[in-house]
Amino acid sequence: MFEHFFTCPHCWETISMLLDTGVSKQQYIEDCEVCCNPIEIQVSFLEGELSDFQATAN
């Protein structure tokens, strides 16, 4: 698991999320821990290293 910090696209607060490095491409919806609005997460890992992270308002 990898902890990644980013800015919520709804409330602009910095939040963190645990990402599974064992899955190379992931896409899912997670609620913001501050404002509870849904965030669409798209993550890519290359050889266990984070290569792309996108968090968009859903």
Protein backbone atom coordinates (compact mmCIF):
# COMPACT_ATOMS: atom_id res chain seq x y z
CA MET A 1 0.00 0.00 0.00
CA PHE A 2 1.12 3.53 -0.79
CA GLU A 3 -0.19 6.70 0.91
CA HIS A 4 -0.79 9.51 -1.59
CA PHE A 5 -1.72 13.10 -0.68
CA PHE A 6 -3.79 15.21 -3.08
CA THR A 7 -6.29 18.08 -3.20
CA CYS A 8 -10.01 17.32 -3.20
CA PRO A 9 -11.59 18.72 -6.39
CA HIS A 10 -14.68 19.77 -4.39
CA CYS A 11 -13.48 21.43 -1.17
CA TRP A 12 -9.77 21.97 -2.06
CA GLU A 13 -8.59 20.39 1.20
CA THR A 14 -5.48 18.21 1.17
CA ILE A 15 -6.45 14.61 1.86
CA SER A 16 -4.68 11.28 1.69
CA MET A 17 -5.61 7.92 0.27
CA LEU A 18 -4.05 4.47 0.49
CA LEU A 19 -3.38 3.07 -2.97
CA ASP A 20 -2.76 -0.59 -3.81
CA THR A 21 0.56 -0.81 -5.68
CA GLY A 22 -0.20 -4.41 -6.68
CA VAL A 23 -2.80 -3.37 -9.29
CA SER A 24 -1.24 -1.52 -12.23
CA LYS A 25 -4.38 0.38 -13.39
CA GLN A 26 -7.28 1.34 -11.17
CA GLN A 27 -10.40 3.48 -11.51
CA TYR A 28 -12.96 3.91 -8.75
CA ILE A 29 -15.04 6.43 -6.80
CA GLU A 30 -14.15 7.36 -3.24
CA ASP A 31 -15.80 9.94 -0.98
CA CYS A 32 -13.70 12.85 0.32
CA GLU A 33 -12.90 12.39 4.00
CA VAL A 34 -13.54 16.13 4.61
CA CYS A 35 -16.60 17.13 2.53
CA CYS A 36 -17.96 13.62 1.73
CA ASN A 37 -18.41 14.43 -1.98
CA PRO A 38 -17.57 11.68 -4.50
CA ILE A 39 -14.17 11.79 -6.24
CA GLU A 40 -13.36 9.72 -9.31
CA ILE A 41 -9.87 8.29 -8.85
CA GLN A 42 -7.71 7.02 -11.73
CA VAL A 43 -4.36 5.52 -10.77
CA SER A 44 -1.55 3.86 -12.70
CA PHE A 45 1.53 2.13 -11.34
CA LEU A 46 4.58 1.09 -13.31
CA GLU A 47 6.81 -1.50 -11.61
CA GLY A 48 5.30 -0.61 -8.23
CA GLU A 49 5.89 3.15 -8.65
CA LEU A 50 3.06 5.67 -9.05
CA SER A 51 3.12 6.82 -12.68
CA ASP A 52 -0.24 8.66 -12.94
CA PHE A 53 -2.86 9.91 -10.48
CA GLN A 54 -6.01 11.84 -11.32
CA ALA A 55 -8.76 12.92 -8.94
CA THR A 56 -11.79 14.54 -10.56
CA ALA A 57 -15.15 15.73 -9.29
CA ASN A 58 -17.85 13.20 -9.96
